[in-house]
PDB file of N, CA and C in Angstrom:
ATOM      1  N   MET A   1      40.308  13.312  82.519  1.00  0.00           N
ATOM      2  CA  MET A   1      40.860  12.095  81.939  1.00  0.00           C
ATOM      3  C   MET A   1      40.441  11.930  80.490  1.00  0.00           C
ATOM      4  N   LYS A   2      39.143  12.233  80.221  1.00  0.00           N
ATOM      5  CA  LYS A   2      38.638  12.067  78.862  1.00  0.00           C
ATOM      6  C   LYS A   2      39.356  13.014  77.897  1.00  0.00           C
ATOM      7  N   LYS A   3      39.632  14.250  78.348  1.00  0.00           N
ATOM      8  CA  LYS A   3      40.345  15.206  77.497  1.00  0.00           C
ATOM      9  C   LYS A   3      41.768  14.736  77.245  1.00  0.00           C
ATOM     10  N   THR A   4      42.385  14.175  78.265  1.00  0.00           N
ATOM     11  CA  THR A   4      43.747  13.662  78.119  1.00  0.00           C
ATOM     12  C   THR A   4      43.781  12.510  77.122  1.00  0.00           C
ATOM     13  N   LEU A   5      42.825  11.599  77.256  1.00  0.00           N
ATOM     14  CA  LEU A   5      42.753  10.472  76.329  1.00  0.00           C
ATOM     15  C   LEU A   5      42.536  10.959  74.905  1.00  0.00           C
ATOM     16  N   THR A   6      41.635  11.917  74.734  1.00  0.00           N
ATOM     17  CA  THR A   6      41.376  12.468  73.405  1.00  0.00           C
ATOM     18  C   THR A   6      42.626  13.126  72.835  1.00  0.00           C
ATOM     19  N   ALA A   7      43.313  13.905  73.665  1.00  0.00           N
ATOM     20  CA  ALA A   7      44.530  14.586  73.210  1.00  0.00           C
ATOM     21  C   ALA A   7      45.611  13.579  72.826  1.00  0.00           C
ATOM     22  N   LEU A   8      45.766  12.547  73.645  1.00  0.00           N
ATOM     23  CA  LEU A   8      46.773  11.523  73.335  1.00  0.00           C
ATOM     24  C   LEU A   8      46.432  10.776  72.056  1.00  0.00           C
ATOM     25  N   THR A   9      45.155  10.452  71.903  1.00  0.00           N
ATOM     26  CA  THR A   9      44.727   9.736  70.705  1.00  0.00           C
ATOM     27  C   THR A   9      44.966  10.589  69.467  1.00  0.00           C
ATOM     28  N   LEU A  10      44.574  11.854  69.538  1.00  0.00           N
ATOM     29  CA  LEU A  10      44.787  12.737  68.392  1.00  0.00           C
ATOM     30  C   LEU A  10      46.265  12.892  68.093  1.00  0.00           C
ATOM     31  N   GLY A  11      47.080  12.985  69.132  1.00  0.00           N
ATOM     32  CA  GLY A  11      48.515  13.106  68.921  1.00  0.00           C
ATOM     33  C   GLY A  11      49.086  11.910  68.187  1.00  0.00           C
ATOM     34  N   ALA A  12      48.627  10.731  68.554  1.00  0.00           N
ATOM     35  CA  ALA A  12      49.108   9.517  67.899  1.00  0.00           C
ATOM     36  C   ALA A  12      48.623   9.440  66.460  1.00  0.00           C
ATOM     37  N   ILE A  13      47.417   9.918  66.229  1.00  0.00           N
ATOM     38  CA  ILE A  13      46.840   9.855  64.891  1.00  0.00           C
ATOM     39  C   ILE A  13      47.505  10.853  63.952  1.00  0.00           C
ATOM     40  N   LEU A  14      47.866  12.009  64.486  1.00  0.00           N
ATOM     41  CA  LEU A  14      48.358  13.077  63.637  1.00  0.00           C
ATOM     42  C   LEU A  14      49.861  13.054  63.405  1.00  0.00           C
ATOM     43  N   LEU A  15      50.526  11.981  63.817  1.00  0.00           N
ATOM     44  CA  LEU A  15      51.945  11.866  63.508  1.00  0.00           C
ATOM     45  C   LEU A  15      52.126  11.844  61.999  1.00  0.00           C
ATOM     46  N   PRO A  16      53.263  12.275  61.525  1.00  0.00           N
ATOM     47  CA  PRO A  16      53.450  12.343  60.071  1.00  0.00           C
ATOM     48  C   PRO A  16      53.152  11.036  59.357  1.00  0.00           C
ATOM     49  N   ALA A  17      52.118  11.056  58.588  1.00  0.00           N
ATOM     50  CA  ALA A  17      51.723   9.872  57.832  1.00  0.00           C
ATOM     51  C   ALA A  17      52.745   9.529  56.766  1.00  0.00           C
ATOM     52  N   ALA A  18      53.477  10.490  56.321  1.00  0.00           N
ATOM     53  CA  ALA A  18      54.465  10.247  55.278  1.00  0.00           C
ATOM     54  C   ALA A  18      55.517   9.246  55.722  1.00  0.00           C
ATOM     55  N   ALA A  19      55.708   9.174  57.024  1.00  0.00           N
ATOM     56  CA  ALA A  19      56.692   8.231  57.520  1.00  0.00           C
ATOM     57  C   ALA A  19      56.220   6.796  57.409  1.00  0.00           C
ATOM     58  N   LEU A  20      54.949   6.625  57.256  1.00  0.00           N
ATOM     59  CA  LEU A  20      54.388   5.286  57.139  1.00  0.00           C
ATOM     60  C   LEU A  20      54.054   5.016  55.692  1.00  0.00           C
ATOM     61  N   ALA A  21      54.988   4.515  54.973  1.00  0.00           N
ATOM     62  CA  ALA A  21      54.813   4.327  53.538  1.00  0.00           C
ATOM     63  C   ALA A  21      54.006   3.070  53.270  1.00  0.00           C
ATOM     64  N   GLY A  22      52.721   3.239  53.070  1.00  0.00           N
ATOM     65  CA  GLY A  22      51.847   2.110  52.794  1.00  0.00           C
ATOM     66  C   GLY A  22      51.513   2.022  51.329  1.00  0.00           C
ATOM     67  N   SER A  23      50.972   0.921  50.908  1.00  0.00           N
ATOM     68  CA  SER A  23      50.574   0.757  49.519  1.00  0.00           C
ATOM     69  C   SER A  23      49.206   1.343  49.279  1.00  0.00           C
ATOM     70  N   TYR A  24      48.997   1.853  48.106  1.00  0.00           N
ATOM     71  CA  TYR A  24      47.732   2.411  47.683  1.00  0.00           C
ATOM     72  C   TYR A  24      47.272   1.662  46.445  1.00  0.00           C
ATOM     73  N   PRO A  25      45.956   1.625  46.218  1.00  0.00           N
ATOM     74  CA  PRO A  25      45.478   0.983  44.996  1.00  0.00           C
ATOM     75  C   PRO A  25      46.150   1.601  43.776  1.00  0.00           C
ATOM     76  N   GLY A  26      46.408   0.812  42.803  1.00  0.00           N
ATOM     77  CA  GLY A  26      47.047   1.312  41.590  1.00  0.00           C
ATOM     78  C   GLY A  26      48.561   1.226  41.655  1.00  0.00           C
ATOM     79  N   GLY A  27      49.114   0.672  42.739  1.00  0.00           N
ATOM     80  CA  GLY A  27      50.545   0.449  42.819  1.00  0.00           C
ATOM     81  C   GLY A  27      51.361   1.649  43.253  1.00  0.00           C
ATOM     82  N   HIS A  28      50.749   2.681  43.807  1.00  0.00           N
ATOM     83  CA  HIS A  28      51.487   3.867  44.226  1.00  0.00           C
ATOM     84  C   HIS A  28      51.834   3.750  45.704  1.00  0.00           C
ATOM     85  N   SER A  29      52.995   3.180  45.977  1.00  0.00           N
ATOM     86  CA  SER A  29      53.437   3.013  47.353  1.00  0.00           C
ATOM     87  C   SER A  29      54.129   4.286  47.816  1.00  0.00           C
ATOM     88  N   GLY A  30      54.427   4.336  49.103  1.00  0.00           N
ATOM     89  CA  GLY A  30      55.174   5.463  49.644  1.00  0.00           C
ATOM     90  C   GLY A  30      56.536   5.586  48.984  1.00  0.00           C
ATOM     91  N   GLU A  31      57.140   4.445  48.715  1.00  0.00           N
ATOM     92  CA  GLU A  31      58.444   4.452  48.041  1.00  0.00           C
ATOM     93  C   GLU A  31      58.327   5.021  46.629  1.00  0.00           C
ATOM     94  N   HIS A  32      57.263   4.661  45.936  1.00  0.00           N
ATOM     95  CA  HIS A  32      57.047   5.172  44.578  1.00  0.00           C
ATOM     96  C   HIS A  32      56.928   6.695  44.603  1.00  0.00           C
ATOM     97  N   ARG A  33      56.134   7.206  45.548  1.00  0.00           N
ATOM     98  CA  ARG A  33      55.959   8.656  45.648  1.00  0.00           C
ATOM     99  C   ARG A  33      57.271   9.335  46.001  1.00  0.00           C
ATOM    100  N   ALA A  34      58.059   8.715  46.878  1.00  0.00           N
ATOM    101  CA  ALA A  34      59.349   9.282  47.267  1.00  0.00           C
ATOM    102  C   ALA A  34      60.301   9.337  46.065  1.00  0.00           C
ATOM    103  N   GLU A  35      60.274   8.304  45.245  1.00  0.00           N
ATOM    104  CA  GLU A  35      61.125   8.288  44.045  1.00  0.00           C
ATOM    105  C   GLU A  35      60.725   9.403  43.080  1.00  0.00           C
ATOM    106  N   LYS A  36      59.421   9.561  42.883  1.00  0.00           N
ATOM    107  CA  LYS A  36      58.946  10.621  41.983  1.00  0.00           C
ATOM    108  C   LYS A  36      59.338  11.998  42.519  1.00  0.00           C
ATOM    109  N   ARG A  37      59.188  12.173  43.833  1.00  0.00           N
ATOM    110  CA  ARG A  37      59.554  13.447  44.459  1.00  0.00           C
ATOM    111  C   ARG A  37      61.047  13.710  44.271  1.00  0.00           C
ATOM    112  N   MET A  38      61.848  12.658  44.420  1.00  0.00           N
ATOM    113  CA  MET A  38      63.299  12.786  44.241  1.00  0.00           C
ATOM    114  C   MET A  38      63.642  13.149  42.798  1.00  0.00           C
ATOM    115  N   GLU A  39      62.959  12.521  41.848  1.00  0.00           N
ATOM    116  CA  GLU A  39      63.196  12.826  40.436  1.00  0.00           C
ATOM    117  C   GLU A  39      62.905  14.302  40.134  1.00  0.00           C
ATOM    118  N   ARG A  40      61.770  14.797  40.641  1.00  0.00           N
ATOM    119  CA  ARG A  40      61.422  16.205  40.411  1.00  0.00           C
ATOM    120  C   ARG A  40      62.453  17.139  41.044  1.00  0.00           C
ATOM    121  N   MET A  41      62.864  16.811  42.245  1.00  0.00           N
ATOM    122  CA  MET A  41      63.843  17.630  42.949  1.00  0.00           C
ATOM    123  C   MET A  41      65.178  17.647  42.203  1.00  0.00           C
ATOM    124  N   ALA A  42      65.612  16.469  41.769  1.00  0.00           N
ATOM    125  CA  ALA A  42      66.883  16.369  41.049  1.00  0.00           C
ATOM    126  C   ALA A  42      66.847  17.177  39.766  1.00  0.00           C
ATOM    127  N   GLU A  43      65.720  17.126  39.071  1.00  0.00           N
ATOM    128  CA  GLU A  43      65.592  17.867  37.815  1.00  0.00           C
ATOM    129  C   GLU A  43      65.550  19.376  38.065  1.00  0.00           C
ATOM    130  N   GLN A  44      64.735  19.802  39.016  1.00  0.00           N
ATOM    131  CA  GLN A  44      64.586  21.238  39.273  1.00  0.00           C
ATOM    132  C   GLN A  44      65.868  21.862  39.796  1.00  0.00           C
ATOM    133  N   LEU A  45      66.589  21.134  40.646  1.00  0.00           N
ATOM    134  CA  LEU A  45      67.796  21.688  41.254  1.00  0.00           C
ATOM    135  C   LEU A  45      69.067  21.284  40.511  1.00  0.00           C
ATOM    136  N   GLN A  46      68.913  20.469  39.474  1.00  0.00           N
ATOM    137  CA  GLN A  46      70.053  19.968  38.700  1.00  0.00           C
ATOM    138  C   GLN A  46      71.107  19.361  39.624  1.00  0.00           C
ATOM    139  N   LEU A  47      70.668  18.386  40.410  1.00  0.00           N
ATOM    140  CA  LEU A  47      71.548  17.749  41.379  1.00  0.00           C
ATOM    141  C   LEU A  47      72.581  16.868  40.695  1.00  0.00           C
ATOM    142  N   THR A  48      73.758  16.818  41.279  1.00  0.00           N
ATOM    143  CA  THR A  48      74.776  15.882  40.810  1.00  0.00           C
ATOM    144  C   THR A  48      74.395  14.492  41.326  1.00  0.00           C
ATOM    145  N   ASP A  49      75.035  13.460  40.799  1.00  0.00           N
ATOM    146  CA  ASP A  49      74.774  12.104  41.269  1.00  0.00           C
ATOM    147  C   ASP A  49      75.088  11.973  42.762  1.00  0.00           C
ATOM    148  N   GLN A  50      76.184  12.593  43.196  1.00  0.00           N
ATOM    149  CA  GLN A  50      76.570  12.521  44.600  1.00  0.00           C
ATOM    150  C   GLN A  50      75.520  13.208  45.480  1.00  0.00           C
ATOM    151  N   GLN A  51      75.041  14.391  45.075  1.00  0.00           N
ATOM    152  CA  GLN A  51      74.012  15.086  45.842  1.00  0.00           C
ATOM    153  C   GLN A  51      72.738  14.246  45.917  1.00  0.00           C
ATOM    154  N   ARG A  52      72.392  13.666  44.806  1.00  0.00           N
ATOM    155  CA  ARG A  52      71.178  12.842  44.765  1.00  0.00           C
ATOM    156  C   ARG A  52      71.285  11.665  45.732  1.00  0.00           C
ATOM    157  N   GLU A  53      72.429  10.980  45.731  1.00  0.00           N
ATOM    158  CA  GLU A  53      72.633   9.843  46.632  1.00  0.00           C
ATOM    159  C   GLU A  53      72.551  10.270  48.093  1.00  0.00           C
ATOM    160  N   GLU A  54      73.187  11.406  48.425  1.00  0.00           N
ATOM    161  CA  GLU A  54      73.180  11.877  49.808  1.00  0.00           C
ATOM    162  C   GLU A  54      71.767  12.264  50.251  1.00  0.00           C
ATOM    163  N   ILE A  55      71.025  12.921  49.372  1.00  0.00           N
ATOM    164  CA  ILE A  55      69.664  13.333  49.709  1.00  0.00           C
ATOM    165  C   ILE A  55      68.763  12.110  49.860  1.00  0.00           C
ATOM    166  N   GLN A  56      68.917  11.124  48.980  1.00  0.00           N
ATOM    167  CA  GLN A  56      68.130   9.896  49.107  1.00  0.00           C
ATOM    168  C   GLN A  56      68.405   9.218  50.445  1.00  0.00           C
ATOM    169  N   LYS A  57      69.654   9.194  50.855  1.00  0.00           N
ATOM    170  CA  LYS A  57      70.023   8.591  52.137  1.00  0.00           C
ATOM    171  C   LYS A  57      69.352   9.346  53.290  1.00  0.00           C
ATOM    172  N   ILE A  58      69.374  10.660  53.253  1.00  0.00           N
ATOM    173  CA  ILE A  58      68.746  11.483  54.290  1.00  0.00           C
ATOM    174  C   ILE A  58      67.246  11.213  54.350  1.00  0.00           C
ATOM    175  N   MET A  59      66.613  11.143  53.193  1.00  0.00           N
ATOM    176  CA  MET A  59      65.167  10.914  53.150  1.00  0.00           C
ATOM    177  C   MET A  59      64.812   9.526  53.685  1.00  0.00           C
ATOM    178  N   GLN A  60      65.616   8.519  53.363  1.00  0.00           N
ATOM    179  CA  GLN A  60      65.373   7.166  53.871  1.00  0.00           C
ATOM    180  C   GLN A  60      65.529   7.129  55.381  1.00  0.00           C
ATOM    181  N   GLU A  61      66.557   7.798  55.904  1.00  0.00           N
ATOM    182  CA  GLU A  61      66.752   7.855  57.352  1.00  0.00           C
ATOM    183  C   GLU A  61      65.539   8.503  58.029  1.00  0.00           C
ATOM    184  N   GLN A  62      65.005   9.553  57.414  1.00  0.00           N
ATOM    185  CA  GLN A  62      63.836  10.229  57.963  1.00  0.00           C
ATOM    186  C   GLN A  62      62.638   9.293  58.024  1.00  0.00           C
ATOM    187  N   ARG A  63      62.401   8.528  56.956  1.00  0.00           N
ATOM    188  CA  ARG A  63      61.284   7.578  56.950  1.00  0.00           C
ATOM    189  C   ARG A  63      61.446   6.543  58.057  1.00  0.00           C
ATOM    190  N   THR A  64      62.667   6.034  58.211  1.00  0.00           N
ATOM    191  CA  THR A  64      62.941   5.025  59.232  1.00  0.00           C
ATOM    192  C   THR A  64      62.718   5.600  60.624  1.00  0.00           C
ATOM    193  N   GLU A  65      63.246   6.784  60.873  1.00  0.00           N
ATOM    194  CA  GLU A  65      63.077   7.421  62.179  1.00  0.00           C
ATOM    195  C   GLU A  65      61.608   7.736  62.448  1.00  0.00           C
ATOM    196  N   GLY A  66      60.889   8.148  61.432  1.00  0.00           N
ATOM    197  CA  GLY A  66      59.469   8.455  61.598  1.00  0.00           C
ATOM    198  C   GLY A  66      58.683   7.230  62.010  1.00  0.00           C
ATOM    199  N   ARG A  67      59.002   6.100  61.395  1.00  0.00           N
ATOM    200  CA  ARG A  67      58.328   4.844  61.767  1.00  0.00           C
ATOM    201  C   ARG A  67      58.618   4.481  63.219  1.00  0.00           C
ATOM    202  N   LYS A  68      59.898   4.594  63.604  1.00  0.00           N
ATOM    203  CA  LYS A  68      60.287   4.272  64.978  1.00  0.00           C
ATOM    204  C   LYS A  68      59.567   5.196  65.962  1.00  0.00           C
ATOM    205  N   GLN A  69      59.531   6.473  65.654  1.00  0.00           N
ATOM    206  CA  GLN A  69      58.894   7.446  66.538  1.00  0.00           C
ATOM    207  C   GLN A  69      57.402   7.149  66.670  1.00  0.00           C
ATOM    208  N   HIS A  70      56.777   6.802  65.576  1.00  0.00           N
ATOM    209  CA  HIS A  70      55.349   6.480  65.595  1.00  0.00           C
ATOM    210  C   HIS A  70      55.074   5.290  66.508  1.00  0.00           C
ATOM    211  N   GLU A  71      55.867   4.248  66.380  1.00  0.00           N
ATOM    212  CA  GLU A  71      55.695   3.054  67.219  1.00  0.00           C
ATOM    213  C   GLU A  71      55.944   3.381  68.695  1.00  0.00           C
ATOM    214  N   GLN A  72      56.971   4.177  68.968  1.00  0.00           N
ATOM    215  CA  GLN A  72      57.271   4.544  70.353  1.00  0.00           C
ATOM    216  C   GLN A  72      56.128   5.359  70.956  1.00  0.00           C
ATOM    217  N   THR A  73      55.552   6.241  70.183  1.00  0.00           N
ATOM    218  CA  THR A  73      54.439   7.059  70.667  1.00  0.00           C
ATOM    219  C   THR A  73      53.242   6.183  70.995  1.00  0.00           C
ATOM    220  N   ARG A  74      52.919   5.251  70.104  1.00  0.00           N
ATOM    221  CA  ARG A  74      51.801   4.351  70.373  1.00  0.00           C
ATOM    222  C   ARG A  74      52.048   3.531  71.637  1.00  0.00           C
ATOM    223  N   GLU A  75      53.261   3.058  71.820  1.00  0.00           N
ATOM    224  CA  GLU A  75      53.588   2.270  73.004  1.00  0.00           C
ATOM    225  C   GLU A  75      53.462   3.109  74.277  1.00  0.00           C
ATOM    226  N   ARG A  76      53.953   4.336  74.221  1.00  0.00           N
ATOM    227  CA  ARG A  76      53.871   5.218  75.391  1.00  0.00           C
ATOM    228  C   ARG A  76      52.415   5.521  75.744  1.00  0.00           C
ATOM    229  N   ILE A  77      51.596   5.782  74.732  1.00  0.00           N
ATOM    230  CA  ILE A  77      50.179   6.051  74.986  1.00  0.00           C
ATOM    231  C   ILE A  77      49.521   4.821  75.582  1.00  0.00           C
ATOM    232  N   SER A  78      49.806   3.669  75.020  1.00  0.00           N
ATOM    233  CA  SER A  78      49.222   2.424  75.513  1.00  0.00           C
ATOM    234  C   SER A  78      49.562   2.204  76.985  1.00  0.00           C
ATOM    235  N   ASN A  79      50.768   2.560  77.384  1.00  0.00           N
ATOM    236  CA  ASN A  79      51.197   2.384  78.777  1.00  0.00           C
ATOM    237  C   ASN A  79      50.420   3.278  79.745  1.00  0.00           C
ATOM    238  N   VAL A  80      49.864   4.373  79.253  1.00  0.00           N
ATOM    239  CA  VAL A  80      49.090   5.292  80.086  1.00  0.00           C
ATOM    240  C   VAL A  80      47.661   4.796  80.263  1.00  0.00           C
ATOM    241  N   LEU A  81      47.161   4.041  79.306  1.00  0.00           N
ATOM    242  CA  LEU A  81      45.764   3.620  79.301  1.00  0.00           C
ATOM    243  C   LEU A  81      45.533   2.388  80.168  1.00  0.00           C
ATOM    244  N   THR A  82      44.306   2.266  80.652  1.00  0.00           N
ATOM    245  CA  THR A  82      43.903   1.049  81.358  1.00  0.00           C
ATOM    246  C   THR A  82      43.718  -0.051  80.313  1.00  0.00           C
ATOM    247  N   PRO A  83      43.676  -1.312  80.722  1.00  0.00           N
ATOM    248  CA  PRO A  83      43.445  -2.387  79.754  1.00  0.00           C
ATOM    249  C   PRO A  83      42.160  -2.193  78.949  1.00  0.00           C
ATOM    250  N   GLU A  84      41.105  -1.734  79.590  1.00  0.00           N
ATOM    251  CA  GLU A  84      39.848  -1.497  78.875  1.00  0.00           C
ATOM    252  C   GLU A  84      40.013  -0.380  77.835  1.00  0.00           C
ATOM    253  N   GLN A  85      40.707   0.677  78.219  1.00  0.00           N
ATOM    254  CA  GLN A  85      40.945   1.784  77.289  1.00  0.00           C
ATOM    255  C   GLN A  85      41.846   1.342  76.137  1.00  0.00           C
ATOM    256  N   GLN A  86      42.817   0.492  76.433  1.00  0.00           N
ATOM    257  CA  GLN A  86      43.693  -0.023  75.379  1.00  0.00           C
ATOM    258  C   GLN A  86      42.883  -0.783  74.336  1.00  0.00           C
ATOM    259  N   GLU A  87      41.948  -1.585  74.805  1.00  0.00           N
ATOM    260  CA  GLU A  87      41.099  -2.346  73.891  1.00  0.00           C
ATOM    261  C   GLU A  87      40.240  -1.404  73.046  1.00  0.00           C
ATOM    262  N   GLN A  88      39.649  -0.394  73.683  1.00  0.00           N
ATOM    263  CA  GLN A  88      38.827   0.576  72.955  1.00  0.00           C
ATOM    264  C   GLN A  88      39.661   1.330  71.931  1.00  0.00           C
ATOM    265  N   TRP A  89      40.873   1.699  72.328  1.00  0.00           N
ATOM    266  CA  TRP A  89      41.754   2.436  71.437  1.00  0.00           C
ATOM    267  C   TRP A  89      42.138   1.575  70.234  1.00  0.00           C
ATOM    268  N   GLN A  90      42.415   0.293  70.480  1.00  0.00           N
ATOM    269  CA  GLN A  90      42.754  -0.624  69.398  1.00  0.00           C
ATOM    270  C   GLN A  90      41.585  -0.753  68.417  1.00  0.00           C
ATOM    271  N   GLN A  91      40.375  -0.875  68.949  1.00  0.00           N
ATOM    272  CA  GLN A  91      39.198  -0.957  68.088  1.00  0.00           C
ATOM    273  C   GLN A  91      39.032   0.320  67.273  1.00  0.00           C
ATOM    274  N   TYR A  92      39.228   1.455  67.906  1.00  0.00           N
ATOM    275  CA  TYR A  92      39.138   2.733  67.205  1.00  0.00           C
ATOM    276  C   TYR A  92      40.156   2.800  66.068  1.00  0.00           C
ATOM    277  N   ARG A  93      41.386   2.394  66.355  1.00  0.00           N
ATOM    278  CA  ARG A  93      42.439   2.445  65.334  1.00  0.00           C
ATOM    279  C   ARG A  93      42.108   1.518  64.168  1.00  0.00           C
ATOM    280  N   GLU A  94      41.579   0.320  64.473  1.00  0.00           N
ATOM    281  CA  GLU A  94      41.219  -0.627  63.413  1.00  0.00           C
ATOM    282  C   GLU A  94      40.096  -0.061  62.544  1.00  0.00           C
ATOM    283  N   GLU A  95      39.102   0.539  63.182  1.00  0.00           N
ATOM    284  CA  GLU A  95      38.004   1.146  62.421  1.00  0.00           C
ATOM    285  C   GLU A  95      38.516   2.292  61.552  1.00  0.00           C
ATOM    286  N   ARG A  96      39.400   3.077  62.100  1.00  0.00           N
ATOM    287  CA  ARG A  96      39.970   4.198  61.344  1.00  0.00           C
ATOM    288  C   ARG A  96      40.764   3.700  60.138  1.00  0.00           C
ATOM    289  N   MET A  97      41.543   2.645  60.330  1.00  0.00           N
ATOM    290  CA  MET A  97      42.314   2.084  59.223  1.00  0.00           C
ATOM    291  C   MET A  97      41.382   1.555  58.134  1.00  0.00           C
ATOM    292  N   LYS A  98      40.283   0.937  58.552  1.00  0.00           N
ATOM    293  CA  LYS A  98      39.313   0.422  57.593  1.00  0.00           C
ATOM    294  C   LYS A  98      38.705   1.572  56.790  1.00  0.00           C
ATOM    295  N   ARG A  99      38.329   2.664  57.474  1.00  0.00           N
ATOM    296  CA  ARG A  99      37.763   3.822  56.774  1.00  0.00           C
ATOM    297  C   ARG A  99      38.775   4.440  55.816  1.00  0.00           C
ATOM    298  N   ARG A 100      40.024   4.522  56.234  1.00  0.00           N
ATOM    299  CA  ARG A 100      41.067   5.075  55.369  1.00  0.00           C
ATOM    300  C   ARG A 100      41.251   4.214  54.129  1.00  0.00           C
ATOM    301  N   SER A 101      41.228   2.903  54.330  1.00  0.00           N
ATOM    302  CA  SER A 101      41.373   1.981  53.211  1.00  0.00           C
ATOM    303  C   SER A 101      40.214   2.135  52.234  1.00  0.00           C
ATOM    304  N   GLU A 102      39.002   2.219  52.766  1.00  0.00           N
ATOM    305  CA  GLU A 102      37.831   2.408  51.909  1.00  0.00           C
ATOM    306  C   GLU A 102      37.916   3.731  51.162  1.00  0.00           C
ATOM    307  N   HIS A 103      38.383   4.763  51.837  1.00  0.00           N
ATOM    308  CA  HIS A 103      38.530   6.072  51.194  1.00  0.00           C
ATOM    309  C   HIS A 103      39.532   5.992  50.040  1.00  0.00           C
ATOM    310  N   ARG A 104      40.633   5.300  50.281  1.00  0.00           N
ATOM    311  CA  ARG A 104      41.646   5.161  49.227  1.00  0.00           C
ATOM    312  C   ARG A 104      41.076   4.422  48.027  1.00  0.00           C
ATOM    313  N   GLU A 105      40.327   3.358  48.292  1.00  0.00           N
ATOM    314  CA  GLU A 105      39.727   2.597  47.191  1.00  0.00           C
ATOM    315  C   GLU A 105      38.777   3.476  46.392  1.00  0.00           C
ATOM    316  N   ASN A 106      37.941   4.232  47.083  1.00  0.00           N
ATOM    317  CA  ASN A 106      37.005   5.122  46.401  1.00  0.00           C
ATOM    318  C   ASN A 106      37.734   6.221  45.646  1.00  0.00           C
ATOM    319  N   ARG A 107      38.837   6.648  46.174  1.00  0.00           N
ATOM    320  CA  ARG A 107      39.615   7.725  45.559  1.00  0.00           C
ATOM    321  C   ARG A 107      40.229   7.292  44.231  1.00  0.00           C
ATOM    322  N   TYR A 108      40.657   6.041  44.152  1.00  0.00           N
ATOM    323  CA  TYR A 108      41.353   5.563  42.971  1.00  0.00           C
ATOM    324  C   TYR A 108      40.471   4.760  42.015  1.00  0.00           C
ATOM    325  N   HIS A 109      39.266   4.413  42.423  1.00  0.00           N
ATOM    326  CA  HIS A 109      38.362   3.658  41.573  1.00  0.00           C
ATOM    327  C   HIS A 109      37.043   4.410  41.467  1.00  0.00           C
ATOM    328  N   HIS A 110      36.922   5.199  40.429  1.00  0.00           N
ATOM    329  CA  HIS A 110      35.757   6.078  40.280  1.00  0.00           C
ATOM    330  C   HIS A 110      34.626   5.461  39.478  1.00  0.00           C
ATOM    331  N   GLY A 111      34.723   4.244  39.098  1.00  0.00           N
ATOM    332  CA  GLY A 111      33.662   3.616  38.335  1.00  0.00           C
ATOM    333  C   GLY A 111      33.801   3.891  36.851  1.00  0.00           C
ATOM    334  N   PRO A 112      32.796   3.465  36.070  1.00  0.00           N
ATOM    335  CA  PRO A 112      32.884   3.610  34.609  1.00  0.00           C
ATOM    336  C   PRO A 112      32.845   5.072  34.190  1.00  0.00           C
ATOM    337  N   ARG A 113      33.555   5.367  33.135  1.00  0.00           N
ATOM    338  CA  ARG A 113      33.574   6.724  32.593  1.00  0.00           C
ATOM    339  C   ARG A 113      32.389   6.949  31.672  1.00  0.00           C
ATOM    340  N   TYR A 114      31.943   8.166  31.634  1.00  0.00           N
ATOM    341  CA  TYR A 114      30.882   8.546  30.721  1.00  0.00           C
ATOM    342  C   TYR A 114      31.550   9.103  29.459  1.00  0.00           C
ATOM    343  N   ASP A 115      31.277   8.488  28.328  1.00  0.00           N
ATOM    344  CA  ASP A 115      31.888   8.923  27.070  1.00  0.00           C
ATOM    345  C   ASP A 115      30.937   9.715  26.218  1.00  0.00           C
ATOM    346  N   GLY A 116      29.724  10.001  26.739  1.00  0.00           N
ATOM    347  CA  GLY A 116      28.679  10.807  26.138  1.00  0.00           C
ATOM    348  C   GLY A 116      28.637  10.870  24.701  1.00  0.00           C
TER     349      GLY A 116
END
């Protein structure tokens, strides 16, 4: 049971994070990164306006589907767990989100620069 719980938890955690476009310190949201990626792609491949619009639509659909899939996976896992395990899993997820947030803050805020 413990191995199954661990495997399910890892599966839920390792879903494509790109589908969950969250905000990062400094104003770099998932949407911002997607726009930059699209700009680079359009420039490198010399996309027409029509190609660019179609590709943007495909990418947006992927983000939407990824979010839906992530939520469905969490719900399915939750249905397998006992109420006590659900509570533990929720606490684990909250702690993980807190650590990720702290990591992002540390990543984007390095403190004062040394100008030697």
